[in-house]
């Protein structure tokens, strides 16, 4: 597929969630040019490069990284306008699927992968990422996808569209970690260390990973102070 000055670009293979978050950030204001100085404070170099490539492929910025009218329309879209604009973007960017025997309403997941891999000569790993982005975008746009694609997608990636399941990056801790319980379970003495332990906030699994990590560090330090010297 030829785009922008005859150069063949790869379809988006960035996380769709990252793409969504970026579009939402633009609601605060669209810069005259989307360059590294704009996104470097939130994205790594590789992720930022992938994002720029995706925006160009989707026709949301031009060759000079200047936002297009279509990007402005997407950012400002509300309600039913948003999926309509997403459908237009999808049809224009992934037209190679429409010009082939491929039918998204009846095709299998393997056929979808083959369409990407054969059109762009992609490796298996990149092809899977491109397919994942496409399915999420098409689902967000309300485009018809066969149950053979969506069912396989859910089993592989854990969701579709904007409801993609994300893996929790939990804090690595000891399997034998002792979580402070209620006052009567922890307060077995009158030492000030144990009294302090009873005041320690109860662990909440809904905390962010950063808060969890700080909680564990503080708790371990408290346990070290509370344990007798030389006792493991």
Foldseek 3Di string as FASTA:
>chain_A
DAAAPRDDAAAQLADLVVVVVVLQVCLVDPDQFDDCVNCVVPDPPVNSVSNLSNCPLLVQAHPRRGGDVLSVQCSPDDDLSNLVSLVVSLCVNVVLCVVDPHDQAPDAQVVQLCSSCVVPVDDSVSSVSNSQNSQQSCVQSVHHGHPNNQVVCCVVQVHTHPPTDDDDPADDDDPPDDWDDALVVQPPDDDVLSVVVNVQDGDDPVDHRVVVVVSVVVVVVSVVVVDDPPDD
